[in-house]
Amino acid sequence: MRETGSLWAATAGERASHDPLPGDRDVDVAIVGGGLTGLWTAWYLLQRDPGIRVAVLEREHLGFGASGRNGGWCSALFPQSANALERRHGRDAALRMRRAMIDTVDEVARAGASAGADFDYAKGGTVLYARNAAQLRAARSDVADAAGYGVDALELWGPERVRAAGTRRGTAALGAAFDPDCARLHPAKLVRGLAAALGARGVQLYERTNVLSWAPGPSTRSARAGGRGVRPSVLTDRGTVTADAVVIATEAYGAAIRRTHRRVLPMYSLMIATEPLPDAVWDEIGIAHGQTFADYRHLIVYGQRTADNRFAFGGRGAPYHFGSRISPAYDRVPRVFRHLAATLRELFPQLPDLAVTHAWGGPLGIPRDWHAHVAYDPVSGIASAGGYVGDGLSTTNLAGRTLADLVTGTASELTTLPWVGHRSPDWEVEPLRWLATNAGTLAMDLADREEALTGCPSLIARLVGPLTGH
């Protein structure tokens, strides 16, 4: 296995470099974090007000985090299932959230094209293989739930349809659920194309600028008294940015900032990519361009056929690190890379010998209740979004549109969605969160083994499911 870093970084072309913050600045909106949440927010702010002054502050380089390293699934998935959303917010709210997520898959294509970005977008849907009796029950349940809500267009594929898709010597699947609302894309190309469009439109993009803290604007008392008070500000190692609104878009890296340390837990997900395969091999295994795939195991895996005919395949299994530590060293876990390569071979045993050419990883942001959020307090001027739990490639776009409406005071259906204003509880102090998180990862692995052995839904998974948004 050649472990040469991220496939996306290696194939996205030359990355433009942006200067650090040159000193104190005054803008209309300051955005902390140069990932897709921050970039999409800047993009839609310009749609609402072309003259708005926006600054994006990034500690590393734009797209350094999950935005530039993810699995390339632009899906309608939301961390909370429709059932969980209904239990918490009511049926109408759940339906509106599902419709918004489905529309977002196409909106990414529309907005990306408007920005002039070329990011290998192809909408082919997701095949979710059911490879044992318990997984087949889960597939049938998902399709039945989708039919009950009447929004998602999931289909149940029987073994004949799965074999017709080319898996008769592959996954040995008993069936599959097919979700048409998913696209494949190249995340680093999207980040770079969007950043180039923003820079050309006057957005101030600052890299290598470490945000130390931020301060809210006027107190509730001074606002009610009619006084403007002190405007929100962002303190960095290179100067202070004062603004009318500050957007916090740090996702997993919020765990490295004292004031948001327990708001999000950084959980690592790792990926591999293979050498390109001939079209005939892809025809045999039945995965078309634009199509993504997974199965119904609890310890999640995810894959896509890239534009240049590689497998890009990832999954969970890396440990959570005590104290929510984040380090480049944690991006590489040889044991997990070997497991991913073996799992890919397990899914498609008809594959020829092929080299793994790239291996990489990074942290996801997980809130305590696995519920993503968008929020804005017009009194303090502080806005935020995140907690995507790995479903962020499309959800960041919805967050950017919603934040733009909230910050500019634009009334829209987006600002009434149930994730707006949601506040997740903080994570427990250590060592409780270290013990619970790593025990949860182990439990999901045991649940998969149990279901493969018995063919029955796992009791372990049933107990853990409500804690993970299901």
Protein backbone atom coordinates (compact mmCIF):
# COMPACT_ATOMS: atom_id res chain seq x y z
CA MET A 1 0.00 0.00 0.00
CA ARG A 2 1.39 3.35 -1.02
CA GLU A 3 0.21 5.93 1.48
CA THR A 4 0.69 9.19 -0.37
CA GLY A 5 -1.95 11.36 1.26
CA SER A 6 -5.28 12.57 -0.03
CA LEU A 7 -6.38 11.67 -3.54
CA TRP A 8 -8.39 14.88 -3.66
CA ALA A 9 -5.42 17.12 -2.85
CA ALA A 10 -3.27 15.26 -5.37
CA THR A 11 -5.75 15.59 -8.24
CA ALA A 12 -7.33 19.02 -7.67
CA GLY A 13 -4.70 21.00 -9.54
CA GLU A 14 -2.62 23.82 -8.17
CA ARG A 15 -3.97 25.35 -4.98
CA ALA A 16 -4.08 29.13 -4.80
CA SER A 17 -2.42 30.62 -1.73
CA HIS A 18 -3.95 33.48 0.23
CA ASP A 19 -2.08 35.87 2.50
CA PRO A 20 -2.61 35.97 6.26
CA LEU A 21 -4.66 38.75 7.81
CA PRO A 22 -2.45 41.88 7.47
CA GLY A 23 -3.73 43.56 10.62
CA ASP A 24 -6.95 44.98 12.04
CA ARG A 25 -9.88 45.03 9.65
CA ASP A 26 -13.49 46.24 9.63
CA VAL A 27 -16.07 44.28 7.60
CA ASP A 28 -19.79 43.55 7.56
CA VAL A 29 -19.45 39.79 8.22
CA ALA A 30 -16.43 37.89 9.57
CA ILE A 31 -16.42 34.13 9.04
CA VAL A 32 -14.25 31.90 11.25
CA GLY A 33 -13.33 28.78 9.28
CA GLY A 34 -12.46 28.37 5.61
CA GLY A 35 -14.33 25.14 4.91
CA LEU A 36 -17.49 24.74 2.88
CA THR A 37 -19.78 26.16 5.59
CA GLY A 38 -17.80 29.38 5.59
CA LEU A 39 -17.36 29.53 1.80
CA TRP A 40 -21.01 28.78 1.03
CA THR A 41 -22.09 31.38 3.61
CA ALA A 42 -19.91 33.98 1.89
CA TRP A 43 -21.29 32.96 -1.51
CA TYR A 44 -24.93 33.35 -0.50
CA LEU A 45 -24.28 36.57 1.41
CA LEU A 46 -23.09 38.00 -1.90
CA GLN A 47 -26.28 36.74 -3.56
CA ARG A 48 -28.35 38.61 -0.98
CA ASP A 49 -26.18 41.75 -1.07
CA PRO A 50 -23.47 42.04 -3.77
CA GLY A 51 -21.88 44.98 -1.92
CA ILE A 52 -21.49 43.22 1.43
CA ARG A 53 -17.95 43.14 2.87
CA VAL A 54 -17.01 39.61 3.96
CA ALA A 55 -13.78 38.25 5.44
CA VAL A 56 -13.01 34.52 5.81
CA LEU A 57 -10.39 33.59 8.41
CA GLU A 58 -8.66 30.19 8.15
CA ARG A 59 -5.88 28.83 10.37
CA GLU A 60 -4.42 26.51 7.68
CA HIS A 61 -5.58 26.75 4.07
CA LEU A 62 -9.10 26.89 2.64
CA GLY A 63 -10.69 23.46 2.70
CA PHE A 64 -8.02 22.07 5.03
CA GLY A 65 -10.52 20.13 7.15
CA ALA A 66 -13.28 17.71 6.24
CA SER A 67 -14.44 19.95 3.37
CA GLY A 68 -11.41 18.98 1.31
CA ARG A 69 -10.95 15.39 2.50
CA ASN A 70 -14.39 13.77 2.65
CA GLY A 71 -15.89 10.87 0.72
CA GLY A 72 -17.37 13.01 -2.05
CA TRP A 73 -20.99 12.10 -1.30
CA CYS A 74 -23.35 15.00 -1.98
CA SER A 75 -26.37 13.32 -0.43
CA ALA A 76 -29.70 14.21 1.12
CA LEU A 77 -28.64 12.53 4.36
CA PHE A 78 -29.08 14.46 7.59
CA PRO A 79 -27.54 13.26 10.87
CA GLN A 80 -31.00 12.79 12.37
CA SER A 81 -33.32 10.35 10.60
CA ALA A 82 -36.79 11.46 9.55
CA ASN A 83 -38.26 9.44 12.42
CA ALA A 84 -35.97 11.12 14.93
CA LEU A 85 -36.79 14.56 13.51
CA GLU A 86 -40.50 13.82 13.80
CA ARG A 87 -40.16 12.69 17.41
CA ARG A 88 -38.27 15.84 18.32
CA HIS A 89 -39.86 18.50 16.11
CA GLY A 90 -43.13 17.09 14.71
CA ARG A 91 -44.07 15.58 11.37
CA ASP A 92 -44.40 18.82 9.40
CA ALA A 93 -40.94 19.98 10.47
CA ALA A 94 -39.44 16.60 9.59
CA LEU A 95 -40.99 16.71 6.12
CA ARG A 96 -39.72 20.25 5.49
CA MET A 97 -36.22 19.25 6.58
CA ARG A 98 -36.24 16.27 4.25
CA ARG A 99 -37.44 18.35 1.29
CA ALA A 100 -34.75 20.95 1.98
CA MET A 101 -32.03 18.31 2.06
CA ILE A 102 -33.21 16.70 -1.18
CA ASP A 103 -33.28 20.07 -2.95
CA THR A 104 -29.78 20.82 -1.66
CA VAL A 105 -28.26 17.97 -3.69
CA ASP A 106 -29.30 19.80 -6.88
CA GLU A 107 -28.55 23.24 -5.45
CA VAL A 108 -24.88 22.30 -5.03
CA ALA A 109 -24.76 21.58 -8.76
CA ARG A 110 -26.56 24.83 -9.63
CA ALA A 111 -24.48 27.03 -7.36
CA GLY A 112 -21.21 25.33 -8.28
CA ALA A 113 -21.91 25.90 -11.96
CA SER A 114 -22.81 29.53 -11.26
CA ALA A 115 -19.46 29.93 -9.51
CA GLY A 116 -17.66 28.46 -12.50
CA ALA A 117 -16.34 25.48 -10.52
CA ASP A 118 -15.54 22.20 -12.29
CA PHE A 119 -15.77 19.55 -9.57
CA ASP A 120 -16.75 16.25 -11.26
CA TYR A 121 -20.39 16.43 -10.14
CA ALA A 122 -22.49 13.51 -11.37
CA LYS A 123 -25.81 12.54 -9.83
CA GLY A 124 -26.25 8.77 -9.95
CA GLY A 125 -27.75 7.91 -6.57
CA THR A 126 -26.58 5.58 -3.81
CA VAL A 127 -26.78 1.78 -3.71
CA LEU A 128 -27.04 0.50 -0.12
CA TYR A 129 -26.34 -3.23 -0.23
CA ALA A 130 -28.06 -5.62 2.17
CA ARG A 131 -25.58 -8.44 2.68
CA ASN A 132 -27.30 -10.50 5.39
CA ALA A 133 -30.81 -11.00 6.69
CA ALA A 134 -30.52 -8.26 9.33
CA GLN A 135 -29.31 -5.75 6.76
CA LEU A 136 -32.16 -6.72 4.43
CA ARG A 137 -34.63 -5.98 7.23
CA ALA A 138 -33.00 -2.58 7.67
CA ALA A 139 -33.27 -1.86 3.95
CA ARG A 140 -36.93 -2.81 3.90
CA SER A 141 -37.56 -0.64 6.96
CA ASP A 142 -35.86 2.36 5.33
CA VAL A 143 -37.89 1.98 2.15
CA ALA A 144 -41.13 1.60 4.11
CA ASP A 145 -40.35 4.68 6.22
CA ALA A 146 -39.58 6.70 3.10
CA ALA A 147 -42.88 5.62 1.53
CA GLY A 148 -44.71 6.63 4.69
CA TYR A 149 -43.30 10.15 4.56
CA GLY A 150 -43.76 10.42 0.80
CA VAL A 151 -40.70 12.61 0.28
CA ASP A 152 -37.63 10.43 -0.27
CA ALA A 153 -37.82 8.19 -3.34
CA LEU A 154 -36.07 5.07 -2.02
CA GLU A 155 -36.49 1.85 -3.99
CA LEU A 156 -36.04 -1.70 -2.74
CA TRP A 157 -34.01 -3.85 -5.09
CA GLY A 158 -34.45 -7.60 -4.86
CA PRO A 159 -31.65 -10.07 -5.53
CA GLU A 160 -32.52 -10.23 -9.24
CA ARG A 161 -32.14 -6.47 -9.61
CA VAL A 162 -28.91 -6.51 -7.63
CA ARG A 163 -27.55 -9.28 -9.84
CA ALA A 164 -28.57 -7.28 -12.88
CA ALA A 165 -26.46 -4.44 -11.50
CA GLY A 166 -23.44 -6.70 -11.81
CA THR A 167 -22.94 -8.01 -8.28
CA ARG A 168 -23.75 -11.68 -8.83
CA ARG A 169 -20.11 -12.55 -8.12
CA GLY A 170 -19.57 -9.52 -5.92
CA THR A 171 -21.29 -8.55 -2.74
CA ALA A 172 -23.51 -11.65 -2.57
CA ALA A 173 -26.17 -9.13 -1.63
CA LEU A 174 -29.66 -10.28 -0.73
CA GLY A 175 -30.99 -6.98 -2.02
CA ALA A 176 -30.36 -3.27 -1.79
CA ALA A 177 -32.02 0.05 -1.16
CA PHE A 178 -31.45 2.62 -3.91
CA ASP A 179 -31.62 6.33 -3.12
CA PRO A 180 -31.59 8.54 -6.24
CA ASP A 181 -30.84 11.70 -4.26
CA CYS A 182 -27.06 11.54 -4.10
CA ALA A 183 -24.27 12.77 -6.35
CA ARG A 184 -20.59 12.06 -6.59
CA LEU A 185 -18.18 14.97 -6.65
CA HIS A 186 -14.56 15.95 -6.05
CA PRO A 187 -14.58 17.93 -2.78
CA ALA A 188 -11.21 19.68 -3.12
CA LYS A 189 -12.09 20.90 -6.62
CA LEU A 190 -15.36 22.29 -5.25
CA VAL A 191 -13.54 24.14 -2.45
CA ARG A 192 -10.96 25.62 -4.80
CA GLY A 193 -13.48 26.60 -7.46
CA LEU A 194 -15.74 28.26 -4.91
CA ALA A 195 -12.81 30.07 -3.28
CA ALA A 196 -11.64 31.39 -6.65
CA ALA A 197 -15.11 32.71 -7.41
CA LEU A 198 -15.34 34.41 -4.02
CA GLY A 199 -11.92 36.02 -4.37
CA ALA A 200 -12.86 37.35 -7.80
CA ARG A 201 -15.98 38.91 -6.26
CA GLY A 202 -14.08 40.77 -3.56
CA VAL A 203 -14.37 38.45 -0.55
CA GLN A 204 -11.32 38.80 1.69
CA LEU A 205 -9.79 35.32 2.07
CA TYR A 206 -7.12 35.01 4.77
CA GLU A 207 -5.12 31.85 5.40
CA ARG A 208 -2.54 31.00 8.08
CA THR A 209 -4.52 33.17 10.51
CA ASN A 210 -5.19 31.60 13.89
CA VAL A 211 -8.42 32.70 15.56
CA LEU A 212 -7.91 32.94 19.31
CA SER A 213 -11.38 34.03 20.39
CA TRP A 214 -14.35 36.19 19.50
CA ALA A 215 -16.54 38.63 21.38
CA PRO A 216 -20.27 39.31 21.00
CA GLY A 217 -21.83 42.66 20.27
CA PRO A 218 -24.16 44.73 22.46
CA SER A 219 -25.80 43.23 25.50
CA THR A 220 -29.52 42.58 25.52
CA ARG A 221 -29.97 45.56 27.82
CA SER A 222 -28.14 48.05 25.57
CA ALA A 223 -29.91 46.72 22.49
CA ARG A 224 -33.30 47.25 24.11
CA ALA A 225 -32.25 50.73 25.13
CA GLY A 226 -31.55 51.52 21.49
CA GLY A 227 -27.79 51.77 21.85
CA ARG A 228 -25.51 50.23 19.22
CA GLY A 229 -22.95 49.16 21.78
CA VAL A 230 -19.73 47.41 20.85
CA ARG A 231 -19.76 45.49 17.57
CA PRO A 232 -18.78 41.80 17.47
CA SER A 233 -15.11 41.09 16.89
CA VAL A 234 -12.71 38.24 16.17
CA LEU A 235 -9.30 38.20 17.84
CA THR A 236 -6.55 36.49 15.83
CA ASP A 237 -2.79 36.17 16.12
CA ARG A 238 -2.48 38.74 13.33
CA GLY A 239 -5.01 41.37 14.31
CA THR A 240 -8.65 41.96 15.21
CA VAL A 241 -11.54 41.86 12.75
CA THR A 242 -14.59 43.92 13.74
CA ALA A 243 -17.90 43.17 12.04
CA ASP A 244 -21.66 43.48 12.28
CA ALA A 245 -21.93 39.69 12.43
CA VAL A 246 -19.49 36.85 13.16
CA VAL A 247 -20.10 33.35 11.77
CA ILE A 248 -18.42 30.44 13.57
CA ALA A 249 -17.85 27.62 11.07
CA THR A 250 -15.11 25.51 12.64
CA GLU A 251 -16.84 22.08 12.69
CA ALA A 252 -14.57 19.46 14.35
CA TYR A 253 -11.84 22.02 14.95
CA GLY A 254 -14.10 23.83 17.39
CA ALA A 255 -12.87 21.24 19.89
CA ALA A 256 -9.47 22.98 19.80
CA ILE A 257 -10.97 26.32 20.90
CA ARG A 258 -11.63 26.76 24.61
CA ARG A 259 -15.10 28.28 24.39
CA THR A 260 -16.40 25.56 22.04
CA HIS A 261 -14.26 22.69 23.31
CA ARG A 262 -17.17 20.56 24.57
CA ARG A 263 -19.70 21.62 21.96
CA VAL A 264 -18.37 19.14 19.39
CA LEU A 265 -16.40 15.91 19.49
CA PRO A 266 -13.79 15.22 16.77
CA MET A 267 -14.17 11.65 15.48
CA TYR A 268 -11.78 10.46 12.79
CA SER A 269 -12.88 8.90 9.51
CA LEU A 270 -10.27 7.46 7.13
CA MET A 271 -10.15 6.80 3.37
CA ILE A 272 -8.23 4.95 0.71
CA ALA A 273 -8.18 5.30 -3.08
CA THR A 274 -7.12 2.73 -5.64
CA GLU A 275 -5.45 2.92 -9.01
CA PRO A 276 -7.88 3.51 -11.92
CA LEU A 277 -9.79 0.47 -13.17
CA PRO A 278 -10.91 -0.33 -16.73
CA ASP A 279 -14.52 0.39 -17.67
CA ALA A 280 -15.10 -3.35 -18.12
CA VAL A 281 -14.41 -3.96 -14.43
CA TRP A 282 -16.86 -1.27 -13.40
CA ASP A 283 -19.46 -2.77 -15.75
CA GLU A 284 -18.94 -6.13 -14.06
CA ILE A 285 -19.44 -4.81 -10.53
CA GLY A 286 -22.31 -2.59 -11.64
CA ILE A 287 -21.32 0.84 -10.34
CA ALA A 288 -21.95 3.63 -12.84
CA HIS A 289 -20.38 7.06 -12.98
CA GLY A 290 -22.08 9.32 -10.48
CA GLN A 291 -23.02 6.42 -8.24
CA THR A 292 -21.99 5.99 -4.62
CA PHE A 293 -22.32 2.86 -2.53
CA ALA A 294 -22.36 1.49 1.01
CA ASP A 295 -24.04 -1.30 2.91
CA TYR A 296 -26.11 -1.54 6.08
CA ARG A 297 -23.34 -2.29 8.56
CA HIS A 298 -23.33 -0.16 11.70
CA LEU A 299 -19.62 0.73 11.58
CA ILE A 300 -20.13 2.91 8.54
CA VAL A 301 -18.34 2.51 5.20
CA TYR A 302 -18.85 4.64 2.09
CA GLY A 303 -17.50 4.61 -1.44
CA GLN A 304 -17.70 6.15 -4.88
CA ARG A 305 -16.48 5.64 -8.42
CA THR A 306 -14.34 8.67 -9.13
CA ALA A 307 -14.33 10.56 -12.40
CA ASP A 308 -11.03 8.87 -13.31
CA ASN A 309 -12.37 5.36 -12.49
CA ARG A 310 -10.83 4.79 -9.06
CA PHE A 311 -12.46 3.53 -5.92
CA ALA A 312 -12.51 6.21 -3.21
CA PHE A 313 -13.54 4.25 -0.14
CA GLY A 314 -13.72 5.20 3.52
CA GLY A 315 -15.12 4.31 6.89
CA ARG A 316 -15.06 4.66 10.63
CA GLY A 317 -13.04 2.65 13.11
CA ALA A 318 -10.22 5.02 14.08
CA PRO A 319 -10.13 5.78 17.81
CA TYR A 320 -11.30 8.95 19.51
CA HIS A 321 -8.32 10.62 21.22
CA PHE A 322 -8.42 11.65 24.86
CA GLY A 323 -9.21 15.32 25.47
CA SER A 324 -10.62 15.74 21.94
CA ARG A 325 -7.09 16.09 20.64
CA ILE A 326 -6.61 16.69 16.92
CA SER A 327 -3.30 15.97 15.24
CA PRO A 328 -2.06 15.30 11.68
CA ALA A 329 -0.61 12.07 13.08
CA TYR A 330 -4.15 10.80 13.69
CA ASP A 331 -4.98 11.07 9.97
CA ARG A 332 -3.04 7.86 9.35
CA VAL A 333 -3.92 4.60 11.08
CA PRO A 334 -2.38 1.69 9.13
CA ARG A 335 -4.67 -0.81 10.84
CA VAL A 336 -7.75 1.04 9.59
CA PHE A 337 -6.30 1.45 6.09
CA ARG A 338 -5.70 -2.31 5.92
CA HIS A 339 -9.25 -2.92 7.19
CA LEU A 340 -10.68 -0.65 4.48
CA ALA A 341 -8.73 -2.45 1.75
CA ALA A 342 -9.94 -5.82 3.07
CA THR A 343 -13.54 -4.58 3.30
CA LEU A 344 -13.46 -3.33 -0.30
CA ARG A 345 -12.25 -6.77 -1.40
CA GLU A 346 -15.00 -8.37 0.71
CA LEU A 347 -17.64 -6.24 -1.00
CA PHE A 348 -16.32 -6.94 -4.50
CA PRO A 349 -14.29 -10.18 -4.51
CA GLN A 350 -14.27 -10.24 -8.31
CA LEU A 351 -11.92 -7.27 -8.36
CA PRO A 352 -8.51 -7.87 -9.94
CA ASP A 353 -5.39 -7.21 -7.93
CA LEU A 354 -5.19 -3.46 -7.59
CA ALA A 355 -2.94 -1.02 -5.79
CA VAL A 356 -4.06 1.35 -3.08
CA THR A 357 -2.41 4.59 -4.17
CA HIS A 358 -3.68 7.08 -1.58
CA ALA A 359 -4.64 6.90 2.08
CA TRP A 360 -5.74 9.78 4.30
CA GLY A 361 -8.17 10.86 6.99
CA GLY A 362 -9.44 13.62 9.21
CA PRO A 363 -11.87 14.49 12.00
CA LEU A 364 -15.66 14.84 11.75
CA GLY A 365 -17.65 17.07 14.06
CA ILE A 366 -20.14 15.20 16.24
CA PRO A 367 -22.51 17.04 18.62
CA ARG A 368 -23.67 15.30 21.78
CA ASP A 369 -27.15 14.53 20.38
CA TRP A 370 -25.97 13.97 16.78
CA HIS A 371 -28.16 16.86 15.63
CA ALA A 372 -26.67 19.44 13.26
CA HIS A 373 -27.57 23.08 13.81
CA VAL A 374 -27.71 26.58 12.36
CA ALA A 375 -28.06 29.53 14.72
CA TYR A 376 -27.92 33.33 14.77
CA ASP A 377 -28.39 35.72 17.68
CA PRO A 378 -29.13 39.20 16.29
CA VAL A 379 -28.44 40.75 19.70
CA SER A 380 -24.89 39.44 20.02
CA GLY A 381 -24.25 39.24 16.29
CA ILE A 382 -22.86 35.70 16.62
CA ALA A 383 -23.92 32.96 14.18
CA SER A 384 -22.81 29.36 13.87
CA ALA A 385 -23.43 26.11 12.03
CA GLY A 386 -22.08 22.57 12.18
CA GLY A 387 -22.33 19.16 13.77
CA TYR A 388 -22.81 17.37 10.44
CA VAL A 389 -21.54 13.96 11.62
CA GLY A 390 -20.05 13.20 8.21
CA ASP A 391 -23.09 14.31 6.19
CA GLY A 392 -21.71 17.77 5.56
CA LEU A 393 -20.91 17.96 1.86
CA SER A 394 -24.48 18.96 1.02
CA THR A 395 -25.55 20.14 4.48
CA THR A 396 -22.89 22.88 4.44
CA ASN A 397 -24.63 24.36 1.42
CA LEU A 398 -27.99 24.41 3.20
CA ALA A 399 -26.24 25.94 6.21
CA GLY A 400 -24.66 28.66 4.06
CA ARG A 401 -27.99 29.63 2.51
CA THR A 402 -29.72 29.63 5.89
CA LEU A 403 -27.00 31.68 7.60
CA ALA A 404 -27.08 34.22 4.77
CA ASP A 405 -30.83 34.64 5.27
CA LEU A 406 -30.53 34.88 9.04
CA VAL A 407 -27.66 37.38 9.02
CA THR A 408 -29.25 39.64 6.40
CA GLY A 409 -32.72 39.42 7.96
CA THR A 410 -34.19 37.75 4.87
CA ALA A 411 -37.43 35.95 5.65
CA SER A 412 -37.47 32.51 4.02
CA GLU A 413 -38.63 28.95 4.52
CA LEU A 414 -35.04 28.02 5.34
CA THR A 415 -35.00 30.11 8.51
CA THR A 416 -37.96 28.11 9.88
CA LEU A 417 -36.40 24.66 9.44
CA PRO A 418 -36.15 22.63 12.66
CA TRP A 419 -32.37 22.74 12.92
CA VAL A 420 -32.39 26.54 13.15
CA GLY A 421 -31.70 27.55 16.74
CA HIS A 422 -31.10 24.00 17.91
CA ARG A 423 -28.67 23.77 20.81
CA SER A 424 -27.00 20.42 21.49
CA PRO A 425 -25.89 19.68 25.05
CA ASP A 426 -22.18 19.76 25.80
CA TRP A 427 -20.16 16.57 25.80
CA GLU A 428 -19.20 15.09 29.15
CA VAL A 429 -15.88 15.86 30.74
CA GLU A 430 -13.00 13.43 30.40
CA PRO A 431 -12.50 10.56 30.90
CA LEU A 432 -16.22 9.92 30.43
CA ARG A 433 -16.37 10.97 26.78
CA TRP A 434 -13.22 9.00 25.93
CA LEU A 435 -14.64 5.87 27.54
CA ALA A 436 -18.12 6.27 26.04
CA THR A 437 -17.02 7.20 22.52
CA ASN A 438 -14.53 4.40 22.07
CA ALA A 439 -16.94 1.96 23.69
CA GLY A 440 -19.54 3.07 21.15
CA THR A 441 -17.19 2.37 18.25
CA LEU A 442 -16.46 -1.07 19.65
CA ALA A 443 -20.19 -1.67 20.14
CA MET A 444 -20.92 -0.94 16.48
CA ASP A 445 -18.24 -3.38 15.38
CA LEU A 446 -19.68 -6.04 17.70
CA ALA A 447 -23.19 -5.31 16.39
CA ASP A 448 -22.03 -5.99 12.83
CA ARG A 449 -20.43 -9.26 13.86
CA GLU A 450 -23.58 -10.25 15.74
CA GLU A 451 -25.83 -9.59 12.74
CA ALA A 452 -23.52 -11.38 10.32
CA LEU A 453 -23.57 -14.43 12.61
CA THR A 454 -27.25 -14.51 13.55
CA GLY A 455 -29.00 -12.72 10.70
CA CYS A 456 -31.10 -10.92 13.33
CA PRO A 457 -31.10 -7.21 14.19
CA SER A 458 -28.50 -6.52 16.84
CA LEU A 459 -29.63 -5.80 20.38
CA ILE A 460 -26.48 -3.72 20.86
CA ALA A 461 -27.35 -1.55 17.87
CA ARG A 462 -30.91 -1.15 19.10
CA LEU A 463 -29.66 0.17 22.43
CA VAL A 464 -27.12 2.55 20.87
CA GLY A 465 -29.32 3.73 17.98
CA PRO A 466 -31.26 6.45 19.87
CA LEU A 467 -27.94 8.00 20.89
CA THR A 468 -26.90 8.42 17.23
CA GLY A 469 -29.94 10.13 15.74
CA HIS A 470 -31.99 7.08 14.79
